[in-house]
């Protein structure tokens, strides 16, 4: 199965699964292409007057991304901020590429369930329930795994080859909150005494972790 066929198959499967249950409100007109420049604050985006086919098009998922991150993974989003025509439609996609050993660190999507389709490679994936139970599995090319809305989850490439997935969401803008970054890179900072007590470590350890997340000059 070629890359284009995999993308098409994955998109069709995810689209069918996600059209039945979506997180965003129902649309009240045929289309409402997002006006990303509007200063009007809504639960979503204001509609712009003139639309074109390009408002519904994005080619950014066709090729693997250039993974040059400390975690060894790269997320390329195809949400309403990249495809204005997704506004009010309640769906979006992402492509995630991983080098060998690459990790998409523990994170949550507060507004959407996620379903991933493996384009190539092999990944160890999992999510953690609110009772702290880990649900995990190794998934391979052509296989699918689901991460329920709002639950902490991750993907790790423990194989020797690169890996890629297409991820679908039942929201035009699912949001992503990385657990480590949220706690150790917040602005203003989360107080050290909160983190030392929560993680049962000393201030030096907390400061060391925070320094790893500080912007590089």
N, C-alpha and C. Protein backbone atom coordinates (compact mmCIF):
# COMPACT_ATOMS: atom_id res chain seq x y z
N UNK A 1 0.86 -1.20 0.00
CA UNK A 1 0.00 0.00 0.00
C UNK A 1 0.88 1.24 0.00
N UNK A 2 0.72 2.10 -1.02
CA UNK A 2 1.53 3.31 -1.13
C UNK A 2 1.13 4.35 -0.10
N UNK A 3 1.99 5.37 0.04
CA UNK A 3 1.75 6.41 1.04
C UNK A 3 0.44 7.13 0.82
N UNK A 4 0.15 7.48 -0.47
CA UNK A 4 -1.09 8.19 -0.78
C UNK A 4 -2.30 7.32 -0.44
N UNK A 5 -2.22 6.02 -0.78
CA UNK A 5 -3.33 5.11 -0.48
C UNK A 5 -3.54 4.99 1.03
N UNK A 6 -2.43 4.95 1.77
CA UNK A 6 -2.54 4.86 3.23
C UNK A 6 -3.22 6.10 3.79
N UNK A 7 -2.80 7.26 3.30
CA UNK A 7 -3.40 8.51 3.76
C UNK A 7 -4.89 8.54 3.47
N UNK A 8 -5.26 8.14 2.26
CA UNK A 8 -6.66 8.16 1.86
C UNK A 8 -7.47 7.19 2.69
N UNK A 9 -6.95 5.98 2.87
CA UNK A 9 -7.66 4.98 3.65
C UNK A 9 -7.82 5.44 5.10
N UNK A 10 -6.73 5.95 5.67
CA UNK A 10 -6.78 6.41 7.05
C UNK A 10 -7.78 7.54 7.23
N UNK A 11 -7.77 8.48 6.29
CA UNK A 11 -8.70 9.61 6.36
C UNK A 11 -10.14 9.15 6.27
N UNK A 12 -10.43 8.21 5.36
CA UNK A 12 -11.80 7.73 5.18
C UNK A 12 -12.30 7.03 6.44
N UNK A 13 -11.45 6.18 7.02
CA UNK A 13 -11.85 5.45 8.22
C UNK A 13 -12.11 6.42 9.37
N UNK A 14 -11.19 7.35 9.57
CA UNK A 14 -11.33 8.29 10.67
C UNK A 14 -12.54 9.20 10.49
N UNK A 15 -12.77 9.62 9.25
CA UNK A 15 -13.89 10.51 8.98
C UNK A 15 -15.22 9.84 9.31
N UNK A 16 -15.36 8.57 8.93
CA UNK A 16 -16.60 7.83 9.20
C UNK A 16 -16.80 7.70 10.70
N UNK A 17 -15.72 7.38 11.42
CA UNK A 17 -15.84 7.19 12.86
C UNK A 17 -16.16 8.48 13.59
N UNK A 18 -15.63 9.59 13.12
CA UNK A 18 -15.76 10.83 13.85
C UNK A 18 -16.99 11.66 13.49
N UNK A 19 -17.62 11.38 12.36
CA UNK A 19 -18.78 12.19 11.98
C UNK A 19 -19.99 11.90 12.87
N UNK A 20 -20.01 10.76 13.53
CA UNK A 20 -21.15 10.40 14.35
C UNK A 20 -21.12 11.09 15.71
N UNK A 21 -19.93 11.31 16.24
CA UNK A 21 -19.80 11.94 17.56
C UNK A 21 -18.74 13.01 17.47
N UNK A 22 -19.11 14.27 17.68
CA UNK A 22 -18.13 15.33 17.60
C UNK A 22 -18.27 16.25 18.78
N UNK A 23 -17.18 16.94 19.12
CA UNK A 23 -17.13 17.71 20.35
C UNK A 23 -17.60 19.13 20.16
N UNK A 24 -17.50 19.68 18.96
CA UNK A 24 -17.84 21.08 18.72
C UNK A 24 -19.34 21.25 18.49
N UNK A 25 -19.87 22.47 18.68
CA UNK A 25 -21.31 22.72 18.46
C UNK A 25 -21.70 22.51 17.00
N UNK A 26 -23.01 22.26 16.79
CA UNK A 26 -23.52 22.12 15.42
C UNK A 26 -23.37 23.43 14.65
N UNK A 27 -23.08 23.31 13.34
CA UNK A 27 -23.05 24.49 12.49
C UNK A 27 -24.46 24.91 12.13
N UNK A 28 -24.65 26.21 11.90
CA UNK A 28 -25.96 26.76 11.61
C UNK A 28 -26.09 27.25 10.17
N UNK A 29 -25.08 26.99 9.35
CA UNK A 29 -25.11 27.33 7.93
C UNK A 29 -24.23 26.33 7.19
N UNK A 30 -24.25 26.39 5.85
CA UNK A 30 -23.47 25.41 5.09
C UNK A 30 -21.99 25.49 5.44
N UNK A 31 -21.43 26.69 5.39
CA UNK A 31 -20.02 26.89 5.69
C UNK A 31 -19.86 28.17 6.50
N UNK A 32 -18.76 28.21 7.25
CA UNK A 32 -18.41 29.42 8.00
C UNK A 32 -16.90 29.47 8.05
N UNK A 33 -16.30 29.85 6.93
CA UNK A 33 -14.84 29.89 6.85
C UNK A 33 -14.29 30.89 7.86
N UNK A 34 -13.34 30.46 8.64
CA UNK A 34 -12.83 31.28 9.74
C UNK A 34 -12.13 32.53 9.23
N UNK A 35 -12.48 33.64 9.82
CA UNK A 35 -11.75 34.89 9.60
C UNK A 35 -10.71 34.99 10.71
N UNK A 36 -9.50 34.51 10.42
CA UNK A 36 -8.45 34.42 11.43
C UNK A 36 -7.92 35.79 11.84
N UNK A 37 -8.28 36.83 11.11
CA UNK A 37 -7.82 38.17 11.43
C UNK A 37 -8.84 38.98 12.22
N UNK A 38 -10.02 38.41 12.42
CA UNK A 38 -11.09 39.15 13.09
C UNK A 38 -10.78 39.33 14.58
N UNK A 39 -11.12 40.48 15.09
CA UNK A 39 -10.94 40.74 16.52
C UNK A 39 -12.15 40.33 17.34
N UNK A 40 -13.19 39.84 16.68
CA UNK A 40 -14.39 39.40 17.38
C UNK A 40 -14.11 38.08 18.11
N UNK A 41 -14.41 38.02 19.40
CA UNK A 41 -14.15 36.84 20.20
C UNK A 41 -15.41 35.97 20.27
N UNK A 42 -15.29 34.75 19.76
CA UNK A 42 -16.40 33.80 19.75
C UNK A 42 -15.92 32.46 20.27
N UNK A 43 -16.85 31.53 20.45
CA UNK A 43 -16.47 30.15 20.74
C UNK A 43 -16.18 29.49 19.39
N UNK A 44 -15.04 29.83 18.83
CA UNK A 44 -14.68 29.47 17.46
C UNK A 44 -14.19 30.74 16.79
N UNK A 45 -14.48 30.89 15.51
CA UNK A 45 -14.05 32.07 14.77
C UNK A 45 -15.22 32.69 14.04
N UNK A 46 -15.16 33.99 13.84
CA UNK A 46 -16.15 34.67 13.01
C UNK A 46 -16.03 34.21 11.57
N UNK A 47 -17.12 34.28 10.82
CA UNK A 47 -17.11 33.86 9.42
C UNK A 47 -16.60 35.01 8.55
N UNK A 48 -15.79 34.69 7.56
CA UNK A 48 -15.39 35.73 6.60
C UNK A 48 -16.34 35.73 5.41
N UNK A 49 -16.38 36.83 4.71
CA UNK A 49 -17.38 37.00 3.65
C UNK A 49 -17.04 36.24 2.38
N UNK A 50 -15.81 36.37 1.90
CA UNK A 50 -15.43 35.77 0.62
C UNK A 50 -14.60 34.51 0.84
N UNK A 51 -15.02 33.42 0.23
CA UNK A 51 -14.32 32.16 0.40
C UNK A 51 -13.81 31.63 -0.93
N UNK A 52 -12.76 30.82 -0.86
CA UNK A 52 -12.21 30.17 -2.05
C UNK A 52 -11.92 28.71 -1.71
N UNK A 53 -11.57 27.94 -2.72
CA UNK A 53 -11.25 26.53 -2.51
C UNK A 53 -10.05 26.37 -1.59
N UNK A 54 -9.14 27.35 -1.62
CA UNK A 54 -7.95 27.25 -0.78
C UNK A 54 -8.28 27.30 0.71
N UNK A 55 -9.46 27.83 1.06
CA UNK A 55 -9.88 27.84 2.45
C UNK A 55 -10.15 26.44 2.98
N UNK A 56 -10.31 25.48 2.06
CA UNK A 56 -10.63 24.11 2.44
C UNK A 56 -9.50 23.14 2.08
N UNK A 57 -8.32 23.68 1.80
CA UNK A 57 -7.21 22.87 1.29
C UNK A 57 -5.96 23.05 2.15
N UNK A 58 -5.20 21.95 2.30
CA UNK A 58 -3.92 21.99 3.01
C UNK A 58 -3.07 20.81 2.55
N UNK A 59 -1.85 21.08 2.14
CA UNK A 59 -0.97 20.02 1.64
C UNK A 59 0.11 19.63 2.65
N UNK A 60 0.02 20.14 3.86
CA UNK A 60 1.10 19.99 4.82
C UNK A 60 1.30 18.61 5.41
N UNK A 61 0.37 17.68 5.18
CA UNK A 61 0.52 16.34 5.74
C UNK A 61 1.04 15.32 4.73
N UNK A 62 1.30 15.77 3.51
CA UNK A 62 1.66 14.84 2.43
C UNK A 62 3.03 14.20 2.62
N UNK A 63 3.94 14.95 3.24
CA UNK A 63 5.31 14.46 3.38
C UNK A 63 5.72 14.45 4.85
N UNK A 64 6.69 13.59 5.21
CA UNK A 64 7.17 13.57 6.60
C UNK A 64 7.77 14.92 6.99
N UNK A 65 7.56 15.31 8.24
CA UNK A 65 8.15 16.54 8.74
C UNK A 65 9.62 16.36 9.06
N UNK A 66 10.33 17.45 9.15
CA UNK A 66 11.75 17.41 9.51
C UNK A 66 11.87 17.39 11.03
N UNK A 67 12.06 16.21 11.59
CA UNK A 67 12.07 16.06 13.05
C UNK A 67 13.40 16.54 13.60
N UNK A 68 13.35 17.67 14.27
CA UNK A 68 14.56 18.24 14.88
C UNK A 68 14.18 18.81 16.25
N UNK A 69 13.68 17.92 17.11
CA UNK A 69 13.20 18.31 18.43
C UNK A 69 13.91 17.50 19.50
N UNK A 70 13.87 17.98 20.72
CA UNK A 70 14.52 17.26 21.82
C UNK A 70 13.82 15.95 22.13
N UNK A 71 12.54 15.85 21.81
CA UNK A 71 11.79 14.62 22.10
C UNK A 71 11.83 13.61 20.95
N UNK A 72 12.28 14.04 19.78
CA UNK A 72 12.37 13.12 18.65
C UNK A 72 11.06 12.90 17.92
N UNK A 73 10.10 13.82 18.08
CA UNK A 73 8.84 13.72 17.33
C UNK A 73 8.44 15.11 16.85
N UNK A 74 7.62 15.14 15.82
CA UNK A 74 7.14 16.41 15.27
C UNK A 74 5.67 16.27 14.91
N UNK A 75 4.85 17.18 15.44
CA UNK A 75 3.42 17.20 15.15
C UNK A 75 3.14 18.29 14.13
N UNK A 76 2.53 17.93 13.00
CA UNK A 76 2.10 18.89 11.99
C UNK A 76 0.58 18.93 12.01
N UNK A 77 0.01 20.03 12.46
CA UNK A 77 -1.43 20.13 12.65
C UNK A 77 -2.13 20.56 11.38
N UNK A 78 -3.32 20.02 11.17
CA UNK A 78 -4.21 20.46 10.08
C UNK A 78 -5.55 20.80 10.73
N UNK A 79 -5.54 21.89 11.51
CA UNK A 79 -6.74 22.31 12.22
C UNK A 79 -7.28 23.60 11.61
N UNK A 80 -8.24 24.23 12.28
CA UNK A 80 -8.88 25.41 11.72
C UNK A 80 -7.91 26.57 11.50
N UNK A 81 -6.81 26.58 12.25
CA UNK A 81 -5.82 27.64 12.07
C UNK A 81 -5.00 27.45 10.80
N UNK A 82 -5.01 26.23 10.25
CA UNK A 82 -4.34 25.96 8.98
C UNK A 82 -5.35 25.83 7.84
N UNK A 83 -6.55 25.37 8.16
CA UNK A 83 -7.60 25.19 7.16
C UNK A 83 -8.82 25.95 7.65
N UNK A 84 -8.98 27.22 7.30
CA UNK A 84 -10.08 28.03 7.82
C UNK A 84 -11.46 27.44 7.56
N UNK A 85 -11.58 26.66 6.48
CA UNK A 85 -12.86 26.05 6.16
C UNK A 85 -13.34 25.03 7.17
N UNK A 86 -12.48 24.60 8.09
CA UNK A 86 -12.89 23.66 9.13
C UNK A 86 -13.74 24.31 10.21
N UNK A 87 -13.78 25.63 10.22
CA UNK A 87 -14.55 26.33 11.24
C UNK A 87 -15.99 25.85 11.29
N UNK A 88 -16.46 25.43 12.46
CA UNK A 88 -17.80 24.90 12.77
C UNK A 88 -18.02 23.47 12.28
N UNK A 89 -17.04 22.83 11.65
CA UNK A 89 -17.24 21.48 11.11
C UNK A 89 -16.90 20.38 12.11
N UNK A 90 -16.17 20.70 13.18
CA UNK A 90 -15.96 19.73 14.24
C UNK A 90 -14.99 18.60 13.96
N UNK A 91 -14.05 18.79 13.01
CA UNK A 91 -13.04 17.77 12.72
C UNK A 91 -11.70 18.44 12.41
N UNK A 92 -10.63 17.69 12.61
CA UNK A 92 -9.29 18.14 12.21
C UNK A 92 -8.36 16.93 12.18
N UNK A 93 -7.19 17.12 11.60
CA UNK A 93 -6.18 16.06 11.50
C UNK A 93 -4.83 16.58 11.96
N UNK A 94 -3.93 15.66 12.23
CA UNK A 94 -2.51 15.98 12.43
C UNK A 94 -1.69 14.83 11.86
N UNK A 95 -0.47 15.15 11.51
CA UNK A 95 0.51 14.11 11.17
C UNK A 95 1.60 14.18 12.23
N UNK A 96 2.00 13.01 12.73
CA UNK A 96 3.08 12.95 13.72
C UNK A 96 4.17 12.05 13.18
N UNK A 97 5.39 12.58 13.13
CA UNK A 97 6.54 11.82 12.66
C UNK A 97 7.51 11.60 13.83
N UNK A 98 8.11 10.42 13.88
CA UNK A 98 9.00 10.04 14.99
C UNK A 98 10.29 9.46 14.44
N UNK A 99 11.41 9.90 14.96
CA UNK A 99 12.67 9.23 14.68
C UNK A 99 12.76 8.01 15.59
N UNK A 100 13.68 7.07 15.34
CA UNK A 100 13.85 5.96 16.27
C UNK A 100 14.12 6.47 17.69
N UNK A 101 13.37 5.97 18.64
CA UNK A 101 13.49 6.45 20.01
C UNK A 101 12.68 7.69 20.31
N UNK A 102 12.00 8.24 19.30
CA UNK A 102 11.24 9.48 19.46
C UNK A 102 10.00 9.30 20.32
N UNK A 103 9.66 10.34 21.05
CA UNK A 103 8.52 10.31 21.97
C UNK A 103 7.61 11.51 21.73
N UNK A 104 6.31 11.26 21.65
CA UNK A 104 5.32 12.32 21.76
C UNK A 104 4.93 12.32 23.24
N UNK A 105 5.46 13.27 24.02
CA UNK A 105 5.39 13.17 25.49
C UNK A 105 3.96 13.15 26.01
N UNK A 106 3.78 12.69 27.25
CA UNK A 106 2.44 12.66 27.84
C UNK A 106 1.74 14.02 27.75
N UNK A 107 0.53 14.00 27.23
CA UNK A 107 -0.23 15.23 27.01
C UNK A 107 -1.71 14.91 26.97
N UNK A 108 -2.54 15.95 26.92
CA UNK A 108 -3.98 15.76 26.79
C UNK A 108 -4.52 16.66 25.69
N UNK A 109 -5.69 16.29 25.19
CA UNK A 109 -6.46 17.15 24.28
C UNK A 109 -7.78 17.44 24.99
N UNK A 110 -7.92 18.62 25.58
CA UNK A 110 -9.10 18.90 26.41
C UNK A 110 -10.41 18.95 25.65
N UNK A 111 -10.35 19.11 24.32
CA UNK A 111 -11.59 19.29 23.56
C UNK A 111 -11.89 18.17 22.57
N UNK A 112 -11.12 17.07 22.60
CA UNK A 112 -11.35 16.07 21.55
C UNK A 112 -10.83 14.69 21.92
N UNK A 113 -11.52 13.68 21.39
CA UNK A 113 -10.99 12.32 21.31
C UNK A 113 -10.04 12.26 20.12
N UNK A 114 -9.01 11.43 20.22
CA UNK A 114 -8.02 11.29 19.14
C UNK A 114 -7.99 9.83 18.67
N UNK A 115 -7.89 9.64 17.37
CA UNK A 115 -7.71 8.30 16.81
C UNK A 115 -6.54 8.36 15.84
N UNK A 116 -5.57 7.45 16.01
CA UNK A 116 -4.37 7.47 15.17
C UNK A 116 -4.34 6.25 14.26
N UNK A 117 -3.87 6.48 13.03
CA UNK A 117 -3.69 5.43 12.02
C UNK A 117 -2.21 5.40 11.67
N UNK A 118 -1.56 4.25 11.82
CA UNK A 118 -0.12 4.14 11.60
C UNK A 118 0.18 4.04 10.11
N UNK A 119 0.90 5.03 9.60
CA UNK A 119 1.32 5.02 8.20
C UNK A 119 2.49 4.08 7.98
N UNK A 120 3.46 4.15 8.88
CA UNK A 120 4.64 3.28 8.79
C UNK A 120 5.30 3.20 10.15
N UNK A 121 6.05 2.12 10.35
CA UNK A 121 6.77 1.94 11.60
C UNK A 121 5.93 1.26 12.67
N UNK A 122 6.41 1.38 13.89
CA UNK A 122 5.80 0.70 15.03
C UNK A 122 5.90 1.60 16.26
N UNK A 123 4.84 1.69 17.03
CA UNK A 123 4.81 2.58 18.19
C UNK A 123 4.27 1.87 19.42
N UNK A 124 4.80 2.22 20.57
CA UNK A 124 4.21 1.84 21.85
C UNK A 124 3.37 3.02 22.30
N UNK A 125 2.06 2.80 22.48
CA UNK A 125 1.14 3.89 22.79
C UNK A 125 0.35 3.54 24.04
N UNK A 126 -0.19 4.56 24.68
CA UNK A 126 -1.02 4.30 25.85
C UNK A 126 -1.69 5.53 26.37
N UNK A 127 -2.74 5.31 27.18
CA UNK A 127 -3.39 6.41 27.90
C UNK A 127 -3.65 5.96 29.33
N UNK A 128 -3.86 6.95 30.20
CA UNK A 128 -4.04 6.69 31.62
C UNK A 128 -5.43 7.15 32.03
N UNK A 129 -6.19 6.27 32.66
CA UNK A 129 -7.54 6.60 33.07
C UNK A 129 -7.51 7.45 34.34
N UNK A 130 -8.68 7.94 34.74
CA UNK A 130 -8.77 8.76 35.95
C UNK A 130 -8.58 7.92 37.22
N UNK A 131 -8.54 6.59 37.08
CA UNK A 131 -8.21 5.72 38.22
C UNK A 131 -6.75 5.28 38.16
N UNK A 132 -5.96 5.97 37.30
CA UNK A 132 -4.53 5.71 37.16
C UNK A 132 -4.21 4.32 36.58
N UNK A 133 -5.11 3.80 35.78
CA UNK A 133 -4.84 2.55 35.06
C UNK A 133 -4.23 2.88 33.71
N UNK A 134 -3.13 2.22 33.38
CA UNK A 134 -2.48 2.41 32.08
C UNK A 134 -3.04 1.43 31.08
N UNK A 135 -3.58 1.95 29.97
CA UNK A 135 -4.07 1.13 28.87
C UNK A 135 -3.09 1.31 27.72
N UNK A 136 -2.33 0.27 27.39
CA UNK A 136 -1.24 0.44 26.42
C UNK A 136 -1.18 -0.73 25.45
N UNK A 137 -0.54 -0.45 24.29
CA UNK A 137 -0.43 -1.48 23.26
C UNK A 137 0.65 -1.07 22.26
N UNK A 138 1.25 -2.05 21.60
CA UNK A 138 2.15 -1.79 20.49
C UNK A 138 1.34 -1.84 19.20
N UNK A 139 1.43 -0.77 18.39
CA UNK A 139 0.66 -0.73 17.14
C UNK A 139 1.62 -0.61 15.96
N UNK A 140 1.22 -1.22 14.84
CA UNK A 140 2.07 -1.28 13.66
C UNK A 140 1.35 -0.70 12.44
N UNK A 141 2.06 -0.69 11.32
CA UNK A 141 1.54 -0.13 10.08
C UNK A 141 0.14 -0.65 9.76
N UNK A 142 -0.78 0.27 9.47
CA UNK A 142 -2.13 -0.10 9.11
C UNK A 142 -3.07 -0.28 10.29
N UNK A 143 -2.55 -0.16 11.53
CA UNK A 143 -3.38 -0.36 12.72
C UNK A 143 -3.83 0.98 13.32
N UNK A 144 -4.84 0.91 14.15
CA UNK A 144 -5.49 2.09 14.72
C UNK A 144 -5.54 1.98 16.24
N UNK A 145 -5.42 3.13 16.91
CA UNK A 145 -5.59 3.18 18.36
C UNK A 145 -6.32 4.47 18.72
N UNK A 146 -7.15 4.41 19.77
CA UNK A 146 -7.97 5.55 20.18
C UNK A 146 -7.54 6.05 21.55
N UNK A 147 -7.45 7.39 21.69
CA UNK A 147 -7.17 8.04 22.96
C UNK A 147 -8.41 8.85 23.37
N UNK A 148 -9.09 8.45 24.45
CA UNK A 148 -10.31 9.15 24.84
C UNK A 148 -10.07 10.61 25.21
N UNK A 149 -11.08 11.41 24.99
CA UNK A 149 -11.03 12.85 25.24
C UNK A 149 -10.54 13.18 26.65
N UNK A 150 -9.56 14.07 26.72
CA UNK A 150 -9.12 14.61 27.99
C UNK A 150 -8.16 13.75 28.78
N UNK A 151 -7.93 12.49 28.39
CA UNK A 151 -7.06 11.62 29.17
C UNK A 151 -5.59 11.78 28.73
N UNK A 152 -4.69 11.67 29.70
CA UNK A 152 -3.25 11.76 29.42
C UNK A 152 -2.84 10.57 28.56
N UNK A 153 -2.08 10.85 27.50
CA UNK A 153 -1.64 9.77 26.61
C UNK A 153 -0.28 10.10 25.99
N UNK A 154 0.30 9.12 25.32
CA UNK A 154 1.65 9.26 24.75
C UNK A 154 1.83 8.27 23.61
N UNK A 155 2.89 8.51 22.81
CA UNK A 155 3.33 7.56 21.79
C UNK A 155 4.86 7.54 21.80
N UNK A 156 5.44 6.34 21.70
CA UNK A 156 6.90 6.21 21.72
C UNK A 156 7.33 5.25 20.63
N UNK A 157 8.32 5.68 19.83
CA UNK A 157 8.88 4.83 18.78
C UNK A 157 10.07 4.07 19.35
N UNK A 158 9.84 2.84 19.75
CA UNK A 158 10.92 2.00 20.28
C UNK A 158 11.56 1.14 19.20
N UNK A 159 11.16 1.35 17.95
CA UNK A 159 11.72 0.58 16.85
C UNK A 159 13.02 1.18 16.33
N UNK A 160 13.60 0.54 15.33
CA UNK A 160 14.85 0.98 14.73
C UNK A 160 14.65 1.83 13.48
N UNK A 161 13.39 1.95 13.04
CA UNK A 161 13.06 2.73 11.86
C UNK A 161 12.18 3.93 12.24
N UNK A 162 12.10 4.90 11.33
CA UNK A 162 11.21 6.03 11.55
C UNK A 162 9.76 5.54 11.54
N UNK A 163 8.90 6.32 12.17
CA UNK A 163 7.47 5.99 12.21
C UNK A 163 6.65 7.25 11.97
N UNK A 164 5.43 7.06 11.46
CA UNK A 164 4.52 8.18 11.21
C UNK A 164 3.09 7.73 11.43
N UNK A 165 2.25 8.66 11.90
CA UNK A 165 0.82 8.39 12.04
C UNK A 165 0.03 9.58 11.52
N UNK A 166 -1.20 9.32 11.14
CA UNK A 166 -2.19 10.37 10.93
C UNK A 166 -3.16 10.30 12.10
N UNK A 167 -3.37 11.44 12.75
CA UNK A 167 -4.28 11.51 13.88
C UNK A 167 -5.50 12.33 13.50
N UNK A 168 -6.68 11.84 13.87
CA UNK A 168 -7.92 12.56 13.62
C UNK A 168 -8.57 12.94 14.94
N UNK A 169 -9.24 14.10 14.94
CA UNK A 169 -9.87 14.62 16.15
C UNK A 169 -11.30 15.06 15.84
N UNK A 170 -12.18 14.92 16.82
CA UNK A 170 -13.56 15.38 16.65
C UNK A 170 -13.71 16.81 17.17
N UNK A 171 -12.80 17.66 16.76
CA UNK A 171 -12.84 19.08 17.07
C UNK A 171 -12.03 19.82 16.02
N UNK A 172 -12.46 21.03 15.67
CA UNK A 172 -11.69 21.83 14.72
C UNK A 172 -10.41 22.34 15.33
N UNK A 173 -10.33 22.38 16.67
CA UNK A 173 -9.15 22.85 17.38
C UNK A 173 -9.08 22.13 18.72
N UNK A 174 -8.53 20.90 18.73
CA UNK A 174 -8.61 20.06 19.93
C UNK A 174 -7.82 20.57 21.13
N UNK A 175 -6.82 21.40 20.88
CA UNK A 175 -5.98 21.87 21.98
C UNK A 175 -5.03 20.77 22.44
N UNK A 176 -3.83 21.16 22.83
CA UNK A 176 -2.86 20.20 23.34
C UNK A 176 -2.20 20.79 24.58
N UNK A 177 -2.21 20.03 25.66
CA UNK A 177 -1.54 20.47 26.88
C UNK A 177 -0.53 19.41 27.29
N UNK A 178 0.76 19.72 27.10
CA UNK A 178 1.84 18.83 27.52
C UNK A 178 1.96 18.88 29.03
N UNK A 179 1.96 17.73 29.67
CA UNK A 179 1.97 17.68 31.13
C UNK A 179 3.23 18.32 31.70
N UNK A 180 4.39 17.93 31.18
CA UNK A 180 5.65 18.46 31.70
C UNK A 180 5.76 19.96 31.47
N UNK A 181 5.45 20.40 30.25
CA UNK A 181 5.56 21.82 29.95
C UNK A 181 4.57 22.65 30.75
N UNK A 182 3.37 22.12 30.95
CA UNK A 182 2.36 22.85 31.71
C UNK A 182 2.81 23.10 33.14
N UNK A 183 3.49 22.14 33.73
CA UNK A 183 3.90 22.25 35.12
C UNK A 183 5.22 22.99 35.31
N UNK A 184 6.14 22.78 34.38
CA UNK A 184 7.49 23.30 34.58
C UNK A 184 7.86 24.47 33.67
N UNK A 185 6.96 24.86 32.76
CA UNK A 185 7.26 25.97 31.87
C UNK A 185 6.12 26.99 31.83
N UNK A 186 5.24 26.96 32.82
CA UNK A 186 4.13 27.90 32.86
C UNK A 186 4.64 29.32 33.13
N UNK A 187 3.89 30.30 32.66
CA UNK A 187 4.23 31.71 32.90
C UNK A 187 2.99 32.44 33.37
N UNK A 188 3.00 32.99 34.60
CA UNK A 188 4.07 32.91 35.61
C UNK A 188 4.31 31.47 36.06
N UNK A 189 5.44 31.24 36.69
CA UNK A 189 5.83 29.90 37.09
C UNK A 189 4.89 29.31 38.15
N UNK A 190 4.70 28.00 38.07
CA UNK A 190 4.05 27.29 39.16
C UNK A 190 5.01 27.34 40.35
N UNK A 191 4.55 27.76 41.54
CA UNK A 191 5.45 27.89 42.69
C UNK A 191 6.20 26.59 43.00
N UNK A 192 7.46 26.73 43.36
CA UNK A 192 8.27 25.55 43.65
C UNK A 192 7.69 24.71 44.77
N UNK A 193 7.09 25.35 45.78
CA UNK A 193 6.58 24.57 46.90
C UNK A 193 5.40 23.69 46.49
N UNK A 194 4.68 24.11 45.45
CA UNK A 194 3.60 23.27 44.92
C UNK A 194 4.20 22.03 44.25
N UNK A 195 5.23 22.24 43.44
CA UNK A 195 5.82 21.13 42.69
C UNK A 195 6.63 20.20 43.59
N UNK A 196 7.34 20.75 44.56
CA UNK A 196 8.12 19.88 45.46
C UNK A 196 7.20 18.97 46.26
N UNK A 197 6.07 19.50 46.71
CA UNK A 197 5.14 18.68 47.48
C UNK A 197 4.42 17.68 46.60
N UNK A 198 4.04 18.11 45.40
CA UNK A 198 3.31 17.21 44.49
C UNK A 198 4.16 16.03 44.05
N UNK A 199 5.45 16.29 43.77
CA UNK A 199 6.33 15.24 43.25
C UNK A 199 7.25 14.64 44.32
N UNK A 200 7.15 15.18 45.55
CA UNK A 200 7.95 14.66 46.66
C UNK A 200 9.45 14.69 46.34
N UNK A 201 9.90 15.83 45.83
CA UNK A 201 11.31 16.05 45.53
C UNK A 201 11.72 17.40 46.10
N UNK A 202 13.03 17.68 46.05
CA UNK A 202 13.54 18.92 46.59
C UNK A 202 13.48 20.06 45.59
N UNK A 203 13.73 21.27 46.09
CA UNK A 203 13.70 22.46 45.25
C UNK A 203 14.74 22.40 44.15
N UNK A 204 15.91 21.85 44.45
CA UNK A 204 16.97 21.77 43.44
C UNK A 204 16.53 20.94 42.24
N UNK A 205 15.84 19.83 42.52
CA UNK A 205 15.36 18.98 41.42
C UNK A 205 14.33 19.73 40.57
N UNK A 206 13.44 20.47 41.22
CA UNK A 206 12.43 21.23 40.49
C UNK A 206 13.08 22.30 39.63
N UNK A 207 14.04 23.03 40.20
CA UNK A 207 14.73 24.08 39.46
C UNK A 207 15.49 23.49 38.27
N UNK A 208 16.05 22.32 38.45
CA UNK A 208 16.79 21.67 37.36
C UNK A 208 15.86 21.33 36.21
N UNK A 209 14.68 20.80 36.54
CA UNK A 209 13.72 20.45 35.50
C UNK A 209 13.23 21.71 34.80
N UNK A 210 12.93 22.76 35.57
CA UNK A 210 12.47 24.01 34.97
C UNK A 210 13.50 24.58 34.01
N UNK A 211 14.79 24.43 34.35
CA UNK A 211 15.84 24.98 33.50
C UNK A 211 15.88 24.28 32.13
N UNK A 212 15.46 23.01 32.12
CA UNK A 212 15.43 22.26 30.85
C UNK A 212 14.37 22.80 29.90
N UNK A 213 13.34 23.42 30.46
CA UNK A 213 12.25 23.95 29.65
C UNK A 213 12.39 25.45 29.37
N UNK A 214 13.42 26.06 29.90
CA UNK A 214 13.62 27.49 29.68
C UNK A 214 13.98 27.75 28.23
N UNK A 215 13.50 28.85 27.65
CA UNK A 215 13.84 29.19 26.26
C UNK A 215 15.34 29.30 26.08
N UNK A 216 15.86 28.73 25.02
CA UNK A 216 17.30 28.80 24.74
C UNK A 216 17.61 30.15 24.10
N UNK A 217 18.63 30.82 24.64
CA UNK A 217 19.02 32.13 24.12
C UNK A 217 19.89 31.99 22.87
